[in-house]
Amino acid sequence: GEFEASLDYIGQMADPHLADRLSAANWAMLGHQDKARIFVRRFREGNPDFDVDKWLSAVPSKEQWHKDLYREGLKKAGF
């Protein structure tokens, strides 16, 4: 739920493009669909067959609510 803090952290990464999915989800959860779509488009350029549910099934997470929140953000972003 700390979407702005997450975006700040991503901005400090050496290669923030590696977190385009997460950036898109954060912007969508903050209600900024225009910014979310930029990251969705950029990610889809290199990964046109990306499937949210398939990918999330492979992501390790201790808490189901975390995956559910991430799924919601990705779906809102347009994935």
PDB file of N, CA and C in Angstrom:
ATOM      1  N   GLY A   1       0.784  -1.200   0.000  1.00  0.00           N
ATOM      2  CA  GLY A   1       0.000   0.000   0.000  1.00  0.00           C
ATOM      3  C   GLY A   1       0.828   1.267   0.000  1.00  0.00           C
ATOM      4  N   GLU A   2       2.132   1.146   0.053  1.00  0.00           N
ATOM      5  CA  GLU A   2       3.022   2.323   0.045  1.00  0.00           C
ATOM      6  C   GLU A   2       3.462   2.592  -1.396  1.00  0.00           C
ATOM      7  N   PHE A   3       2.516   2.963  -2.238  1.00  0.00           N
ATOM      8  CA  PHE A   3       2.771   3.078  -3.671  1.00  0.00           C
ATOM      9  C   PHE A   3       3.766   4.171  -4.022  1.00  0.00           C
ATOM     10  N   GLU A   4       3.671   5.313  -3.379  1.00  0.00           N
ATOM     11  CA  GLU A   4       4.615   6.396  -3.659  1.00  0.00           C
ATOM     12  C   GLU A   4       6.026   6.032  -3.189  1.00  0.00           C
ATOM     13  N   ALA A   5       6.133   5.412  -2.028  1.00  0.00           N
ATOM     14  CA  ALA A   5       7.444   4.986  -1.526  1.00  0.00           C
ATOM     15  C   ALA A   5       8.049   3.940  -2.453  1.00  0.00           C
ATOM     16  N   SER A   6       7.220   3.065  -2.963  1.00  0.00           N
ATOM     17  CA  SER A   6       7.697   2.051  -3.906  1.00  0.00           C
ATOM     18  C   SER A   6       8.242   2.711  -5.169  1.00  0.00           C
ATOM     19  N   LEU A   7       7.528   3.698  -5.691  1.00  0.00           N
ATOM     20  CA  LEU A   7       7.998   4.411  -6.884  1.00  0.00           C
ATOM     21  C   LEU A   7       9.308   5.150  -6.607  1.00  0.00           C
ATOM     22  N   ASP A   8       9.444   5.724  -5.419  1.00  0.00           N
ATOM     23  CA  ASP A   8      10.695   6.394  -5.052  1.00  0.00           C
ATOM     24  C   ASP A   8      11.855   5.400  -5.035  1.00  0.00           C
ATOM     25  N   TYR A   9      11.606   4.228  -4.470  1.00  0.00           N
ATOM     26  CA  TYR A   9      12.639   3.196  -4.405  1.00  0.00           C
ATOM     27  C   TYR A   9      13.028   2.735  -5.814  1.00  0.00           C
ATOM     28  N   ILE A  10      12.041   2.527  -6.662  1.00  0.00           N
ATOM     29  CA  ILE A  10      12.313   2.120  -8.046  1.00  0.00           C
ATOM     30  C   ILE A  10      13.155   3.181  -8.742  1.00  0.00           C
ATOM     31  N   GLY A  11      12.852   4.442  -8.472  1.00  0.00           N
ATOM     32  CA  GLY A  11      13.609   5.537  -9.072  1.00  0.00           C
ATOM     33  C   GLY A  11      15.069   5.557  -8.674  1.00  0.00           C
ATOM     34  N   GLN A  12      15.410   4.912  -7.591  1.00  0.00           N
ATOM     35  CA  GLN A  12      16.794   4.858  -7.126  1.00  0.00           C
ATOM     36  C   GLN A  12      17.555   3.657  -7.695  1.00  0.00           C
ATOM     37  N   MET A  13      16.852   2.772  -8.382  1.00  0.00           N
ATOM     38  CA  MET A  13      17.496   1.581  -8.935  1.00  0.00           C
ATOM     39  C   MET A  13      18.462   1.968 -10.055  1.00  0.00           C
ATOM     40  N   ALA A  14      19.510   1.166 -10.229  1.00  0.00           N
ATOM     41  CA  ALA A  14      20.462   1.403 -11.311  1.00  0.00           C
ATOM     42  C   ALA A  14      19.757   1.270 -12.664  1.00  0.00           C
ATOM     43  N   ASP A  15      18.824   0.330 -12.777  1.00  0.00           N
ATOM     44  CA  ASP A  15      18.055   0.154 -14.008  1.00  0.00           C
ATOM     45  C   ASP A  15      16.575   0.030 -13.647  1.00  0.00           C
ATOM     46  N   PRO A  16      15.888   1.155 -13.528  1.00  0.00           N
ATOM     47  CA  PRO A  16      14.482   1.119 -13.125  1.00  0.00           C
ATOM     48  C   PRO A  16      13.569   0.424 -14.135  1.00  0.00           C
ATOM     49  N   HIS A  17      14.050   0.228 -15.373  1.00  0.00           N
ATOM     50  CA  HIS A  17      13.246  -0.481 -16.370  1.00  0.00           C
ATOM     51  C   HIS A  17      12.952  -1.914 -15.936  1.00  0.00           C
ATOM     52  N   LEU A  18      13.793  -2.458 -15.075  1.00  0.00           N
ATOM     53  CA  LEU A  18      13.575  -3.818 -14.589  1.00  0.00           C
ATOM     54  C   LEU A  18      12.309  -3.914 -13.741  1.00  0.00           C
ATOM     55  N   ALA A  19      11.807  -2.786 -13.287  1.00  0.00           N
ATOM     56  CA  ALA A  19      10.613  -2.768 -12.437  1.00  0.00           C
ATOM     57  C   ALA A  19       9.422  -2.113 -13.136  1.00  0.00           C
ATOM     58  N   ASP A  20       9.384  -2.164 -14.462  1.00  0.00           N
ATOM     59  CA  ASP A  20       8.291  -1.527 -15.195  1.00  0.00           C
ATOM     60  C   ASP A  20       6.922  -2.071 -14.800  1.00  0.00           C
ATOM     61  N   ARG A  21       6.818  -3.367 -14.555  1.00  0.00           N
ATOM     62  CA  ARG A  21       5.532  -3.934 -14.133  1.00  0.00           C
ATOM     63  C   ARG A  21       5.092  -3.322 -12.813  1.00  0.00           C
ATOM     64  N   LEU A  22       6.015  -3.257 -11.875  1.00  0.00           N
ATOM     65  CA  LEU A  22       5.697  -2.707 -10.557  1.00  0.00           C
ATOM     66  C   LEU A  22       5.393  -1.217 -10.647  1.00  0.00           C
ATOM     67  N   SER A  23       6.131  -0.498 -11.471  1.00  0.00           N
ATOM     68  CA  SER A  23       5.846   0.923 -11.667  1.00  0.00           C
ATOM     69  C   SER A  23       4.440   1.118 -12.215  1.00  0.00           C
ATOM     70  N   ALA A  24       4.079   0.326 -13.205  1.00  0.00           N
ATOM     71  CA  ALA A  24       2.743   0.418 -13.786  1.00  0.00           C
ATOM     72  C   ALA A  24       1.674   0.154 -12.732  1.00  0.00           C
ATOM     73  N   ALA A  25       1.880  -0.880 -11.931  1.00  0.00           N
ATOM     74  CA  ALA A  25       0.905  -1.224 -10.890  1.00  0.00           C
ATOM     75  C   ALA A  25       0.795  -0.108  -9.854  1.00  0.00           C
ATOM     76  N   ASN A  26       1.919   0.463  -9.443  1.00  0.00           N
ATOM     77  CA  ASN A  26       1.904   1.556  -8.466  1.00  0.00           C
ATOM     78  C   ASN A  26       1.153   2.770  -9.002  1.00  0.00           C
ATOM     79  N   TRP A  27       1.462   3.184 -10.219  1.00  0.00           N
ATOM     80  CA  TRP A  27       0.791   4.347 -10.796  1.00  0.00           C
ATOM     81  C   TRP A  27      -0.708   4.096 -10.929  1.00  0.00           C
ATOM     82  N   ALA A  28      -1.078   2.887 -11.329  1.00  0.00           N
ATOM     83  CA  ALA A  28      -2.503   2.559 -11.461  1.00  0.00           C
ATOM     84  C   ALA A  28      -3.208   2.628 -10.109  1.00  0.00           C
ATOM     85  N   MET A  29      -2.572   2.114  -9.086  1.00  0.00           N
ATOM     86  CA  MET A  29      -3.186   2.134  -7.754  1.00  0.00           C
ATOM     87  C   MET A  29      -3.302   3.557  -7.202  1.00  0.00           C
ATOM     88  N   LEU A  30      -2.448   4.448  -7.679  1.00  0.00           N
ATOM     89  CA  LEU A  30      -2.520   5.853  -7.283  1.00  0.00           C
ATOM     90  C   LEU A  30      -3.519   6.629  -8.136  1.00  0.00           C
ATOM     91  N   GLY A  31      -4.110   5.952  -9.131  1.00  0.00           N
ATOM     92  CA  GLY A  31      -5.107   6.597  -9.982  1.00  0.00           C
ATOM     93  C   GLY A  31      -4.544   7.338 -11.175  1.00  0.00           C
ATOM     94  N   HIS A  32      -3.294   7.078 -11.524  1.00  0.00           N
ATOM     95  CA  HIS A  32      -2.641   7.743 -12.652  1.00  0.00           C
ATOM     96  C   HIS A  32      -2.530   6.764 -13.825  1.00  0.00           C
ATOM     97  N   GLN A  33      -3.661   6.523 -14.477  1.00  0.00           N
ATOM     98  CA  GLN A  33      -3.705   5.557 -15.578  1.00  0.00           C
ATOM     99  C   GLN A  33      -2.789   5.951 -16.723  1.00  0.00           C
ATOM    100  N   ASP A  34      -2.666   7.244 -16.993  1.00  0.00           N
ATOM    101  CA  ASP A  34      -1.813   7.695 -18.079  1.00  0.00           C
ATOM    102  C   ASP A  34      -0.365   7.283 -17.852  1.00  0.00           C
ATOM    103  N   LYS A  35       0.129   7.465 -16.652  1.00  0.00           N
ATOM    104  CA  LYS A  35       1.507   7.067 -16.340  1.00  0.00           C
ATOM    105  C   LYS A  35       1.639   5.550 -16.310  1.00  0.00           C
ATOM    106  N   ALA A  36       0.633   4.863 -15.794  1.00  0.00           N
ATOM    107  CA  ALA A  36       0.664   3.401 -15.748  1.00  0.00           C
ATOM    108  C   ALA A  36       0.776   2.831 -17.160  1.00  0.00           C
ATOM    109  N   ARG A  37       0.025   3.389 -18.090  1.00  0.00           N
ATOM    110  CA  ARG A  37       0.029   2.878 -19.468  1.00  0.00           C
ATOM    111  C   ARG A  37       1.381   3.036 -20.145  1.00  0.00           C
ATOM    112  N   ILE A  38       2.118   4.061 -19.787  1.00  0.00           N
ATOM    113  CA  ILE A  38       3.464   4.245 -20.347  1.00  0.00           C
ATOM    114  C   ILE A  38       4.338   3.044 -19.992  1.00  0.00           C
ATOM    115  N   PHE A  39       4.271   2.608 -18.743  1.00  0.00           N
ATOM    116  CA  PHE A  39       5.086   1.480 -18.304  1.00  0.00           C
ATOM    117  C   PHE A  39       4.573   0.166 -18.872  1.00  0.00           C
ATOM    118  N   VAL A  40       3.271   0.035 -19.008  1.00  0.00           N
ATOM    119  CA  VAL A  40       2.700  -1.172 -19.618  1.00  0.00           C
ATOM    120  C   VAL A  40       3.192  -1.289 -21.057  1.00  0.00           C
ATOM    121  N   ARG A  41       3.088  -0.198 -21.816  1.00  0.00           N
ATOM    122  CA  ARG A  41       3.543  -0.220 -23.213  1.00  0.00           C
ATOM    123  C   ARG A  41       5.015  -0.565 -23.320  1.00  0.00           C
ATOM    124  N   ARG A  42       5.825   0.061 -22.500  1.00  0.00           N
ATOM    125  CA  ARG A  42       7.272  -0.182 -22.547  1.00  0.00           C
ATOM    126  C   ARG A  42       7.581  -1.639 -22.218  1.00  0.00           C
ATOM    127  N   PHE A  43       6.890  -2.193 -21.205  1.00  0.00           N
ATOM    128  CA  PHE A  43       7.133  -3.590 -20.843  1.00  0.00           C
ATOM    129  C   PHE A  43       6.666  -4.529 -21.948  1.00  0.00           C
ATOM    130  N   ARG A  44       5.495  -4.259 -22.507  1.00  0.00           N
ATOM    131  CA  ARG A  44       4.924  -5.131 -23.543  1.00  0.00           C
ATOM    132  C   ARG A  44       5.756  -5.149 -24.828  1.00  0.00           C
ATOM    133  N   GLU A  45       6.530  -4.112 -25.073  1.00  0.00           N
ATOM    134  CA  GLU A  45       7.396  -4.093 -26.250  1.00  0.00           C
ATOM    135  C   GLU A  45       8.353  -5.277 -26.246  1.00  0.00           C
ATOM    136  N   GLY A  46       8.868  -5.604 -25.089  1.00  0.00           N
ATOM    137  CA  GLY A  46       9.802  -6.721 -24.986  1.00  0.00           C
ATOM    138  C   GLY A  46       9.170  -8.013 -24.513  1.00  0.00           C
ATOM    139  N   ASN A  47       7.923  -7.951 -24.059  1.00  0.00           N
ATOM    140  CA  ASN A  47       7.240  -9.120 -23.498  1.00  0.00           C
ATOM    141  C   ASN A  47       5.772  -9.137 -23.940  1.00  0.00           C
ATOM    142  N   PRO A  48       5.529  -9.290 -25.232  1.00  0.00           N
ATOM    143  CA  PRO A  48       4.155  -9.185 -25.735  1.00  0.00           C
ATOM    144  C   PRO A  48       3.209 -10.273 -25.230  1.00  0.00           C
ATOM    145  N   ASP A  49       3.724 -11.394 -24.782  1.00  0.00           N
ATOM    146  CA  ASP A  49       2.880 -12.505 -24.338  1.00  0.00           C
ATOM    147  C   ASP A  49       2.746 -12.581 -22.824  1.00  0.00           C
ATOM    148  N   PHE A  50       3.066 -11.518 -22.125  1.00  0.00           N
ATOM    149  CA  PHE A  50       3.004 -11.510 -20.664  1.00  0.00           C
ATOM    150  C   PHE A  50       1.600 -11.821 -20.170  1.00  0.00           C
ATOM    151  N   ASP A  51       1.510 -12.743 -19.209  1.00  0.00           N
ATOM    152  CA  ASP A  51       0.241 -13.129 -18.602  1.00  0.00           C
ATOM    153  C   ASP A  51       0.353 -12.916 -17.088  1.00  0.00           C
ATOM    154  N   VAL A  52      -0.501 -12.071 -16.542  1.00  0.00           N
ATOM    155  CA  VAL A  52      -0.434 -11.700 -15.132  1.00  0.00           C
ATOM    156  C   VAL A  52      -0.527 -12.917 -14.221  1.00  0.00           C
ATOM    157  N   ASP A  53      -1.557 -13.723 -14.399  1.00  0.00           N
ATOM    158  CA  ASP A  53      -1.769 -14.854 -13.488  1.00  0.00           C
ATOM    159  C   ASP A  53      -0.669 -15.901 -13.587  1.00  0.00           C
ATOM    160  N   LYS A  54      -0.207 -16.149 -14.783  1.00  0.00           N
ATOM    161  CA  LYS A  54       0.888 -17.115 -14.962  1.00  0.00           C
ATOM    162  C   LYS A  54       2.154 -16.606 -14.273  1.00  0.00           C
ATOM    163  N   TRP A  55       2.434 -15.332 -14.447  1.00  0.00           N
ATOM    164  CA  TRP A  55       3.638 -14.767 -13.852  1.00  0.00           C
ATOM    165  C   TRP A  55       3.537 -14.744 -12.329  1.00  0.00           C
ATOM    166  N   LEU A  56       2.379 -14.312 -11.800  1.00  0.00           N
ATOM    167  CA  LEU A  56       2.226 -14.247 -10.350  1.00  0.00           C
ATOM    168  C   LEU A  56       2.301 -15.623  -9.698  1.00  0.00           C
ATOM    169  N   SER A  57       1.931 -16.677 -10.430  1.00  0.00           N
ATOM    170  CA  SER A  57       2.028 -18.022  -9.865  1.00  0.00           C
ATOM    171  C   SER A  57       3.481 -18.426  -9.635  1.00  0.00           C
ATOM    172  N   ALA A  58       4.405 -17.773 -10.333  1.00  0.00           N
ATOM    173  CA  ALA A  58       5.828 -18.086 -10.194  1.00  0.00           C
ATOM    174  C   ALA A  58       6.545 -17.150  -9.223  1.00  0.00           C
ATOM    175  N   VAL A  59       5.890 -16.076  -8.820  1.00  0.00           N
ATOM    176  CA  VAL A  59       6.515 -15.095  -7.928  1.00  0.00           C
ATOM    177  C   VAL A  59       6.422 -15.590  -6.486  1.00  0.00           C
ATOM    178  N   PRO A  60       7.573 -15.708  -5.819  1.00  0.00           N
ATOM    179  CA  PRO A  60       7.530 -16.145  -4.419  1.00  0.00           C
ATOM    180  C   PRO A  60       6.991 -15.031  -3.528  1.00  0.00           C
ATOM    181  N   SER A  61       6.060 -15.382  -2.674  1.00  0.00           N
ATOM    182  CA  SER A  61       5.498 -14.418  -1.741  1.00  0.00           C
ATOM    183  C   SER A  61       4.948 -15.168  -0.544  1.00  0.00           C
ATOM    184  N   LYS A  62       5.228 -14.666   0.623  1.00  0.00           N
ATOM    185  CA  LYS A  62       4.754 -15.328   1.841  1.00  0.00           C
ATOM    186  C   LYS A  62       3.276 -15.038   2.085  1.00  0.00           C
ATOM    187  N   GLU A  63       2.810 -13.902   1.627  1.00  0.00           N
ATOM    188  CA  GLU A  63       1.456 -13.457   1.924  1.00  0.00           C
ATOM    189  C   GLU A  63       0.606 -13.406   0.664  1.00  0.00           C
ATOM    190  N   GLN A  64      -0.545 -14.052   0.688  1.00  0.00           N
ATOM    191  CA  GLN A  64      -1.450 -14.048  -0.465  1.00  0.00           C
ATOM    192  C   GLN A  64      -1.991 -12.653  -0.735  1.00  0.00           C
ATOM    193  N   TRP A  65      -2.213 -11.858   0.322  1.00  0.00           N
ATOM    194  CA  TRP A  65      -2.751 -10.515   0.121  1.00  0.00           C
ATOM    195  C   TRP A  65      -1.807  -9.665  -0.714  1.00  0.00           C
ATOM    196  N   HIS A  66      -0.503  -9.933  -0.590  1.00  0.00           N
ATOM    197  CA  HIS A  66       0.483  -9.176  -1.360  1.00  0.00           C
ATOM    198  C   HIS A  66       0.317  -9.462  -2.846  1.00  0.00           C
ATOM    199  N   LYS A  67       0.182 -10.747  -3.188  1.00  0.00           N
ATOM    200  CA  LYS A  67      -0.045 -11.121  -4.588  1.00  0.00           C
ATOM    201  C   LYS A  67      -1.367 -10.556  -5.092  1.00  0.00           C
ATOM    202  N   ASP A  68      -2.390 -10.587  -4.260  1.00  0.00           N
ATOM    203  CA  ASP A  68      -3.700 -10.071  -4.655  1.00  0.00           C
ATOM    204  C   ASP A  68      -3.634  -8.573  -4.947  1.00  0.00           C
ATOM    205  N   LEU A  69      -2.917  -7.838  -4.114  1.00  0.00           N
ATOM    206  CA  LEU A  69      -2.764  -6.400  -4.314  1.00  0.00           C
ATOM    207  C   LEU A  69      -1.983  -6.114  -5.589  1.00  0.00           C
ATOM    208  N   TYR A  70      -0.932  -6.879  -5.817  1.00  0.00           N
ATOM    209  CA  TYR A  70      -0.115  -6.722  -7.019  1.00  0.00           C
ATOM    210  C   TYR A  70      -0.952  -7.037  -8.258  1.00  0.00           C
ATOM    211  N   ARG A  71      -1.737  -8.116  -8.208  1.00  0.00           N
ATOM    212  CA  ARG A  71      -2.614  -8.478  -9.322  1.00  0.00           C
ATOM    213  C   ARG A  71      -3.589  -7.348  -9.616  1.00  0.00           C
ATOM    214  N   GLU A  72      -4.179  -6.785  -8.568  1.00  0.00           N
ATOM    215  CA  GLU A  72      -5.126  -5.678  -8.749  1.00  0.00           C
ATOM    216  C   GLU A  72      -4.458  -4.501  -9.450  1.00  0.00           C
ATOM    217  N   GLY A  73      -3.253  -4.149  -9.016  1.00  0.00           N
ATOM    218  CA  GLY A  73      -2.538  -3.042  -9.634  1.00  0.00           C
ATOM    219  C   GLY A  73      -2.188  -3.318 -11.077  1.00  0.00           C
ATOM    220  N   LEU A  74      -1.724  -4.529 -11.355  1.00  0.00           N
ATOM    221  CA  LEU A  74      -1.377  -4.882 -12.744  1.00  0.00           C
ATOM    222  C   LEU A  74      -2.596  -4.842 -13.645  1.00  0.00           C
ATOM    223  N   LYS A  75      -3.708  -5.357 -13.153  1.00  0.00           N
ATOM    224  CA  LYS A  75      -4.945  -5.350 -13.950  1.00  0.00           C
ATOM    225  C   LYS A  75      -5.426  -3.911 -14.180  1.00  0.00           C
ATOM    226  N   LYS A  76      -5.385  -3.091 -13.145  1.00  0.00           N
ATOM    227  CA  LYS A  76      -5.792  -1.689 -13.283  1.00  0.00           C
ATOM    228  C   LYS A  76      -4.899  -0.951 -14.276  1.00  0.00           C
ATOM    229  N   ALA A  77      -3.625  -1.344 -14.326  1.00  0.00           N
ATOM    230  CA  ALA A  77      -2.679  -0.707 -15.228  1.00  0.00           C
ATOM    231  C   ALA A  77      -2.929  -1.076 -16.688  1.00  0.00           C
ATOM    232  N   GLY A  78      -3.595  -2.199 -16.898  1.00  0.00           N
ATOM    233  CA  GLY A  78      -3.888  -2.619 -18.273  1.00  0.00           C
ATOM    234  C   GLY A  78      -3.211  -3.888 -18.703  1.00  0.00           C
ATOM    235  N   PHE A  79      -2.599  -4.599 -17.772  1.00  0.00           N
ATOM    236  CA  PHE A  79      -1.992  -5.899 -18.122  1.00  0.00           C
ATOM    237  C   PHE A  79      -3.058  -6.961 -18.217  1.00  0.00           C
TER     238      PHE A  79
END
